[in-house]
Protein backbone atom coordinates (compact mmCIF):
# COMPACT_ATOMS: atom_id res chain seq x y z
CA UNK A 1 34.59 103.63 -9.86
CA UNK A 2 32.14 106.48 -9.27
CA UNK A 3 29.26 107.01 -11.69
CA UNK A 4 28.46 110.33 -13.31
CA UNK A 5 25.72 112.50 -11.94
CA UNK A 6 24.06 113.99 -15.02
CA UNK A 7 22.46 116.76 -12.93
CA UNK A 8 25.87 117.80 -11.57
CA UNK A 9 28.68 116.36 -13.73
CA UNK A 10 31.41 117.77 -11.47
CA UNK A 11 30.18 115.84 -8.43
CA UNK A 12 32.50 113.05 -7.41
CA UNK A 13 35.49 114.32 -9.35
CA UNK A 14 37.46 115.29 -6.25
CA UNK A 15 36.48 118.97 -6.14
CA UNK A 16 35.79 119.35 -2.43
CA UNK A 17 39.16 120.93 -1.86
CA UNK A 18 38.96 122.99 -5.04
CA UNK A 19 35.64 124.54 -4.09
CA UNK A 20 37.03 125.48 -0.72
CA UNK A 21 39.82 127.30 -2.50
CA UNK A 22 37.39 129.96 -3.70
CA UNK A 23 36.95 131.22 -0.17
CA UNK A 24 40.09 130.02 1.57
CA UNK A 25 42.85 130.48 -0.98
CA UNK A 26 43.61 133.90 0.44
CA UNK A 27 44.52 132.16 3.69
CA UNK A 28 47.54 130.68 1.95
CA UNK A 29 49.23 134.06 2.13
CA UNK A 30 47.79 135.19 5.44
CA UNK A 31 50.07 137.22 7.67
CA UNK A 32 50.95 136.43 11.25
CA UNK A 33 48.94 139.39 12.49
CA UNK A 34 46.20 138.58 14.96
CA UNK A 35 42.68 139.96 14.99
CA UNK A 36 42.63 143.37 16.66
CA UNK A 37 40.02 146.01 17.35
CA UNK A 38 38.94 148.23 14.48
CA UNK A 39 40.76 151.52 14.14
CA UNK A 40 38.10 153.66 12.52
CA UNK A 41 37.45 157.33 11.87
CA UNK A 42 34.15 157.20 13.76
CA UNK A 43 33.93 155.69 17.21
CA UNK A 44 30.63 153.94 16.47
CA UNK A 45 27.97 153.44 13.82
CA UNK A 46 25.88 156.04 15.60
CA UNK A 47 28.65 158.65 15.30
CA UNK A 48 29.00 157.92 11.60
CA UNK A 49 25.29 158.11 10.76
CA UNK A 50 24.63 161.14 12.96
CA UNK A 51 27.58 163.02 11.44
CA UNK A 52 26.41 162.15 7.94
CA UNK A 53 22.87 163.34 8.69
CA UNK A 54 24.08 166.67 10.07
CA UNK A 55 26.34 167.16 7.07
CA UNK A 56 23.66 166.30 4.54
CA UNK A 57 21.31 168.83 6.12
CA UNK A 58 23.69 171.57 4.96
CA UNK A 59 23.87 170.44 1.32
CA UNK A 60 21.87 172.13 -1.46
CA UNK A 61 18.88 170.44 -3.03
CA UNK A 62 19.85 167.78 -5.55
CA UNK A 63 23.32 167.38 -4.01
CA UNK A 64 22.44 164.85 -1.32
CA UNK A 65 20.42 167.08 0.99
CA UNK A 66 17.99 165.31 3.32
CA UNK A 67 15.05 166.74 5.20
CA UNK A 68 15.85 168.61 8.42
CA UNK A 69 13.18 166.62 10.27
CA UNK A 70 15.71 163.78 10.47
CA UNK A 71 17.42 163.98 13.82
CA UNK A 72 20.19 162.39 15.84
CA UNK A 73 19.63 162.53 19.59
CA UNK A 74 23.07 162.15 21.14
CA UNK A 75 21.85 161.76 24.72
CA UNK A 76 19.88 158.65 23.72
CA UNK A 77 22.12 157.46 20.85
CA UNK A 78 18.94 157.54 18.78
CA UNK A 79 18.54 158.20 15.06
CA UNK A 80 15.15 159.30 13.71
CA UNK A 81 15.09 159.13 9.94
CA UNK A 82 12.38 159.63 7.33
CA UNK A 83 13.56 157.67 4.25
CA UNK A 84 14.41 160.00 1.33
CA UNK A 85 13.54 158.85 -2.22
CA UNK A 86 16.86 157.07 -2.88
CA UNK A 87 16.53 155.06 0.33
CA UNK A 88 12.89 154.23 -0.42
CA UNK A 89 14.04 152.49 -3.61
CA UNK A 90 16.19 150.13 -1.53
CA UNK A 91 13.49 149.56 1.01
CA UNK A 92 11.02 148.56 -1.71
CA UNK A 93 12.88 145.24 -1.99
CA UNK A 94 12.39 144.43 1.70
CA UNK A 95 9.34 142.80 3.30
CA UNK A 96 6.78 145.38 4.35
CA UNK A 97 6.72 143.93 7.85
CA UNK A 98 10.23 145.22 8.59
CA UNK A 99 9.42 148.81 7.66
CA UNK A 100 8.19 151.29 10.28
CA UNK A 101 4.44 151.88 10.30
CA UNK A 102 4.72 155.66 10.68
CA UNK A 103 7.35 156.08 7.98
CA UNK A 104 10.14 156.94 10.42
CA UNK A 105 13.07 154.74 11.33
CA UNK A 106 14.11 154.79 14.97
CA UNK A 107 17.60 153.33 15.31
CA UNK A 108 19.92 152.92 18.26
CA UNK A 109 23.13 151.02 18.98
CA UNK A 110 21.95 150.26 22.53
CA UNK A 111 21.36 146.49 22.51
CA UNK A 112 19.38 146.47 25.76
CA UNK A 113 16.86 149.01 24.46
CA UNK A 114 16.47 147.07 21.22
CA UNK A 115 15.84 143.85 23.18
CA UNK A 116 13.20 145.63 25.24
CA UNK A 117 11.53 146.89 22.06
CA UNK A 118 11.49 143.35 20.67
CA UNK A 119 9.83 142.03 23.84
CA UNK A 120 7.21 144.78 23.73
CA UNK A 121 6.47 143.99 20.07
CA UNK A 122 6.03 140.29 20.85
CA UNK A 123 3.48 141.11 23.57
CA UNK A 124 1.49 143.44 21.32
CA UNK A 125 -0.91 141.46 19.05
CA UNK A 126 -1.18 144.45 16.68
CA UNK A 127 2.58 144.83 16.24
CA UNK A 128 4.56 142.99 13.58
CA UNK A 129 8.01 144.49 14.12
CA UNK A 130 9.73 146.36 16.98
CA UNK A 131 9.65 150.14 16.58
CA UNK A 132 13.23 150.50 17.77
CA UNK A 133 15.75 148.81 15.49
CA UNK A 134 19.43 148.02 16.00
CA UNK A 135 21.83 150.47 14.39
CA UNK A 136 24.68 148.37 13.02
CA UNK A 137 26.78 148.05 9.89
CA UNK A 138 24.41 145.67 8.06
CA UNK A 139 21.25 147.71 8.61
CA UNK A 140 19.90 149.03 5.26
CA UNK A 141 20.06 152.62 6.54
CA UNK A 142 23.74 152.33 7.47
CA UNK A 143 24.60 150.66 4.16
CA UNK A 144 22.70 153.35 2.27
CA UNK A 145 24.62 156.07 4.09
CA UNK A 146 27.94 154.32 3.50
CA UNK A 147 27.27 154.06 -0.24
CA UNK A 148 26.34 157.74 -0.36
CA UNK A 149 29.54 158.71 1.48
CA UNK A 150 31.67 156.64 -0.92
CA UNK A 151 29.85 157.94 -3.99
CA UNK A 152 30.09 161.56 -2.88
CA UNK A 153 33.78 161.60 -3.87
CA UNK A 154 32.94 160.85 -7.49
CA UNK A 155 34.52 158.42 -9.93
CA UNK A 156 38.30 158.06 -10.16
CA UNK A 157 38.86 160.21 -7.10
CA UNK A 158 39.81 159.73 -3.47
CA UNK A 159 39.62 161.90 -0.32
CA UNK A 160 42.63 163.89 0.87
CA UNK A 161 42.99 164.40 4.64
CA UNK A 162 45.15 167.43 5.52
CA UNK A 163 46.69 166.72 8.93
CA UNK A 164 49.52 169.19 9.64
CA UNK A 165 49.13 168.54 13.38
CA UNK A 166 50.38 164.94 13.03
CA UNK A 167 52.26 164.77 9.71
CA UNK A 168 55.41 166.70 8.84
CA UNK A 169 56.09 168.97 5.89
CA UNK A 170 55.98 167.04 2.59
CA UNK A 171 55.07 163.88 4.50
CA UNK A 172 52.43 162.02 2.50
CA UNK A 173 50.80 158.65 3.12
CA UNK A 174 48.79 156.99 0.35
CA UNK A 175 46.42 154.19 1.39
CA UNK A 176 45.57 151.68 -1.35
CA UNK A 177 44.04 148.29 -1.77
CA UNK A 178 45.56 145.95 -4.31
CA UNK A 179 45.06 142.38 -5.42
CA UNK A 180 44.99 139.80 -8.17
CA UNK A 181 41.62 138.26 -9.03
CA UNK A 182 41.31 134.73 -10.30
CA UNK A 183 39.33 133.86 -13.42
CA UNK A 184 36.18 133.25 -11.41
CA UNK A 185 36.00 136.76 -10.01
CA UNK A 186 37.36 136.04 -6.53
CA UNK A 187 40.47 137.79 -5.20
CA UNK A 188 42.73 135.19 -3.57
CA UNK A 189 45.59 137.70 -3.40
CA UNK A 190 44.59 140.95 -1.73
CA UNK A 191 46.18 143.38 0.67
CA UNK A 192 45.89 146.89 2.02
CA UNK A 193 48.99 148.86 1.13
CA UNK A 194 50.20 152.06 2.78
CA UNK A 195 52.93 153.95 0.92
CA UNK A 196 54.83 156.57 2.90
CA UNK A 197 56.43 159.48 1.02
CA UNK A 198 58.80 161.49 3.17
CA UNK A 199 62.07 163.35 2.61
CA UNK A 200 62.46 162.31 -0.99
CA UNK A 201 61.72 158.60 -0.62
CA UNK A 202 58.71 156.30 -1.00
CA UNK A 203 58.32 152.99 0.83
CA UNK A 204 55.60 150.45 1.58
CA UNK A 205 54.68 150.20 5.25
CA UNK A 206 51.97 148.33 7.13
CA UNK A 207 48.49 149.76 7.33
CA UNK A 208 48.68 149.40 11.10
CA UNK A 209 51.63 151.79 11.17
CA UNK A 210 49.57 154.30 9.19
CA UNK A 211 46.62 153.96 11.55
CA UNK A 212 48.93 154.45 14.53
CA UNK A 213 50.42 157.54 12.93
CA UNK A 214 47.07 159.11 12.12
CA UNK A 215 45.44 158.10 15.43
CA UNK A 216 41.78 158.55 14.61
CA UNK A 217 41.00 158.67 18.32
CA UNK A 218 42.15 162.28 18.17
CA UNK A 219 39.60 164.69 16.66
CA UNK A 220 40.12 165.70 13.04
CA UNK A 221 40.18 169.48 12.63
CA UNK A 222 39.31 171.10 9.30
CA UNK A 223 41.67 174.08 9.03
CA UNK A 224 40.09 175.22 5.79
CA UNK A 225 43.46 175.46 4.05
CA UNK A 226 43.65 174.68 0.35
CA UNK A 227 45.74 171.57 -0.37
CA UNK A 228 47.76 171.55 -3.63
CA UNK A 229 46.13 168.44 -5.07
CA UNK A 230 48.13 168.78 -8.30
CA UNK A 231 51.39 168.18 -6.44
CA UNK A 232 49.92 165.16 -4.65
CA UNK A 233 48.69 163.74 -7.95
CA UNK A 234 52.28 163.65 -9.20
CA UNK A 235 53.10 161.16 -6.43
CA UNK A 236 50.50 158.62 -7.51
CA UNK A 237 52.50 156.79 -10.22
CA UNK A 238 55.45 156.05 -7.94
CA UNK A 239 53.12 155.07 -5.07
CA UNK A 240 51.11 152.79 -7.34
CA UNK A 241 54.32 151.19 -8.60
CA UNK A 242 55.37 150.50 -5.01
CA UNK A 243 51.98 148.91 -4.30
CA UNK A 244 52.23 146.90 -7.51
CA UNK A 245 55.64 145.51 -6.53
CA UNK A 246 54.30 144.65 -3.08
CA UNK A 247 51.30 142.73 -4.37
CA UNK A 248 53.39 141.04 -7.07
CA UNK A 249 55.47 139.48 -4.29
CA UNK A 250 52.29 138.14 -2.72
CA UNK A 251 51.20 136.79 -6.08
CA UNK A 252 54.49 134.91 -6.48
CA UNK A 253 54.14 133.47 -2.99
CA UNK A 254 50.58 132.39 -3.73
CA UNK A 255 51.53 130.72 -7.02
CA UNK A 256 54.45 128.87 -5.43
CA UNK A 257 52.08 127.33 -2.90
CA UNK A 258 49.14 126.64 -5.22
CA UNK A 259 50.91 125.35 -8.35
CA UNK A 260 51.69 121.91 -6.87
CA UNK A 261 48.09 121.57 -5.76
CA UNK A 262 46.83 122.69 -9.18
CA UNK A 263 49.09 120.23 -10.99
CA UNK A 264 48.06 117.43 -8.62
CA UNK A 265 44.34 117.99 -9.17
CA UNK A 266 44.74 118.26 -12.95
CA UNK A 267 46.71 114.99 -12.94
CA UNK A 268 44.00 113.29 -10.86
CA UNK A 269 41.35 114.45 -13.30
CA UNK A 270 43.34 113.20 -16.26
CA UNK A 271 43.83 109.84 -14.56
CA UNK A 272 40.13 109.55 -13.79
CA UNK A 273 39.27 110.54 -17.36
CA UNK A 274 41.54 107.77 -18.64
CA UNK A 275 39.81 105.23 -16.41
CA UNK A 276 36.40 106.30 -17.69
CA UNK A 277 37.50 106.11 -21.32
CA UNK A 278 39.14 102.75 -20.69
CA UNK A 279 35.67 101.20 -20.34
CA UNK A 280 35.03 101.70 -24.06
CA UNK A 281 36.65 100.37 -27.18
CA UNK A 282 38.66 102.95 -29.05
CA UNK A 283 36.99 104.14 -32.23
CA UNK A 284 38.86 105.58 -35.22
CA UNK A 285 38.99 109.38 -35.01
CA UNK A 286 38.04 109.84 -38.67
CA UNK A 287 35.08 107.49 -38.49
CA UNK A 288 31.87 109.01 -39.89
CA UNK A 289 28.87 108.78 -37.53
CA UNK A 290 26.73 107.69 -40.47
CA UNK A 291 28.73 104.48 -40.65
CA UNK A 292 28.26 103.62 -36.97
CA UNK A 293 25.74 101.18 -35.65
CA UNK A 294 23.57 102.05 -32.67
CA UNK A 295 25.98 100.59 -30.12
CA UNK A 296 28.95 102.44 -31.58
CA UNK A 297 26.98 105.67 -31.82
CA UNK A 298 25.96 105.49 -28.16
CA UNK A 299 29.56 104.72 -27.25
CA UNK A 300 30.84 107.75 -29.20
CA UNK A 301 28.31 110.06 -27.55
CA UNK A 302 29.29 108.70 -24.15
CA UNK A 303 32.98 109.28 -24.89
CA UNK A 304 32.25 112.83 -26.10
CA UNK A 305 30.28 113.48 -22.92
CA UNK A 306 33.15 112.24 -20.74
CA UNK A 307 35.69 114.40 -22.58
CA UNK A 308 33.48 117.49 -22.38
CA UNK A 309 32.77 116.93 -18.69
CA UNK A 310 36.41 116.55 -17.78
CA UNK A 311 37.35 119.56 -19.88
CA UNK A 312 34.83 121.64 -17.91
CA UNK A 313 36.24 120.24 -14.70
CA UNK A 314 39.82 121.10 -15.67
CA UNK A 315 38.78 124.59 -16.76
CA UNK A 316 37.07 125.06 -13.40
CA UNK A 317 40.22 124.11 -11.49
CA UNK A 318 42.36 126.47 -13.56
CA UNK A 319 39.88 129.32 -13.14
CA UNK A 320 40.03 128.89 -9.36
CA UNK A 321 43.80 128.84 -8.98
CA UNK A 322 45.15 130.85 -11.91
CA UNK A 323 45.37 134.62 -11.41
CA UNK A 324 45.00 137.46 -13.87
CA UNK A 325 48.04 139.14 -15.38
CA UNK A 326 47.24 142.66 -14.17
CA UNK A 327 46.55 143.61 -10.54
CA UNK A 328 43.66 145.73 -9.34
CA UNK A 329 44.99 148.79 -7.53
CA UNK A 330 42.76 151.45 -6.00
CA UNK A 331 43.77 154.59 -4.16
CA UNK A 332 41.51 154.76 -1.11
CA UNK A 333 42.74 157.92 0.66
CA UNK A 334 45.67 160.31 0.89
CA UNK A 335 46.96 161.76 4.18
CA UNK A 336 49.37 164.67 4.13
CA UNK A 337 50.95 167.45 6.16
CA UNK A 338 52.00 170.78 4.73
CA UNK A 339 52.79 170.29 1.03
CA UNK A 340 55.49 172.22 -0.87
CA UNK A 341 56.50 172.25 -4.53
CA UNK A 342 59.33 169.79 -3.84
CA UNK A 343 57.04 167.01 -2.56
CA UNK A 344 56.98 165.33 -5.98
CA UNK A 345 60.78 164.91 -6.06
CA UNK A 346 60.82 161.39 -4.65
CA UNK A 347 62.91 158.29 -5.14
CA UNK A 348 61.58 154.76 -4.79
CA UNK A 349 63.48 151.74 -3.63
CA UNK A 350 61.55 149.71 -6.21
CA UNK A 351 62.63 149.70 -9.83
CA UNK A 352 59.82 150.87 -12.06
CA UNK A 353 59.32 148.26 -14.77
CA UNK A 354 57.14 150.43 -16.96
CA UNK A 355 55.58 153.88 -16.81
CA UNK A 356 52.17 153.90 -15.13
CA UNK A 357 49.66 156.34 -16.52
CA UNK A 358 46.57 157.76 -14.92
CA UNK A 359 43.46 155.90 -15.94
CA UNK A 360 45.08 152.62 -16.95
CA UNK A 361 42.97 149.47 -16.78
CA UNK A 362 42.57 148.17 -13.25
CA UNK A 363 43.81 151.39 -11.67
CA UNK A 364 41.43 153.82 -10.01
CA UNK A 365 42.52 157.22 -8.75
C-alpha cells in the first residue's frame, strides 16, 4: 500500500494516465488526415509582416499607424522596425540583452544570414546579441503584428473576403472553429468547420476543400465592390447550427471512448479509498469530537483527510474528462462570390433543435 504524500496528495493515486489526458484527449477523435504543408494567405512570415507594415503606414494617427521609417526590403527579405509604443510595452517584459542597441529591429527569414550574425556576435566581445534576428512566428514582433491584425476587426466581427473570380453567385463559405471545453479549461473536442452555402443548401465540408477552392497561392484582388454584409449575416444562424451539429457528433464520439476510462479510474479511486479507510476502526457518525480521546481524535482527522483527498482526486478526474454542455463556436472568416437578395433562402440538411440568436453565450460573430 502506497503512503500519502502530504505535499502532493494526488501523487500515487494512479493519475499518470489522467494527467496525460489533458493534452492527449483530443487525439482520441483525431482524423486520419496526415500532416501537410500549411495553406496560408501569405507565402511567408516576411510577406505577412511586410504587408502589414505597408498597410499600417497608410492608416491615420491613433488607428494603428506606424512610423514611415519602418521599412521592408524585399530584395534582402529584411524588416527594419522601430518599436511603436504598444510594442515597447511587450518588450519591457523581455531581458534587455535581447533588444537591439540602436532601437531598431532587423529581422530576416534567411537562416544562413542569421547564423552568420550569431557567429559575428560571438566573436565580438562588446556584443551581447546578434543584430540580425530570425523572423519567425514566435518572434515578439510577429506575434505583436498578428494580434494587431486580429484585433483590427473588432469584437464580435469577422473578415469577409469577396472572391467573385473563384466563387459563384450566391456561393458562400463560412469558416468556423468549434469545440467543447472540459471543466479544466482545455478543449479535448475541437475542429475547424467549413460550411458551404450554395444554391439554396448549407452543408459542412472539410477545411481542406475550402482551402483548395480558395487557392491562396493565387493573388487576392480587391475589386472595391461593396458586399451586402446584411444578407451574409442572415446566413450565420443556419451555418452555426450546422457547425454545432458537426461538433456534437465529435463530442458523442469522445464521450463514448472516454466514459469507460473515466468509470474505471473512479472505481480504482473508490477501491483505494476503501483500502485506506479499512486501516482504521469505524467510528459512529454522530460521535461528538469532545467525547473522543486523543487516539480517536487523530483517527477521525486522518479519516477526514483521506475522504477529502480522494474527493479532490475524483473531482480532478471528472474535470478532465467531462465536457461542458454548450460548445464554443466562433466565426473566423466568410468567403463569398457575388451576393444577391436570395442568398439567405437556404435549407440545411441538419434539423435545427432550437433557434440560435446573435450574441448567445459561447458564440462569437
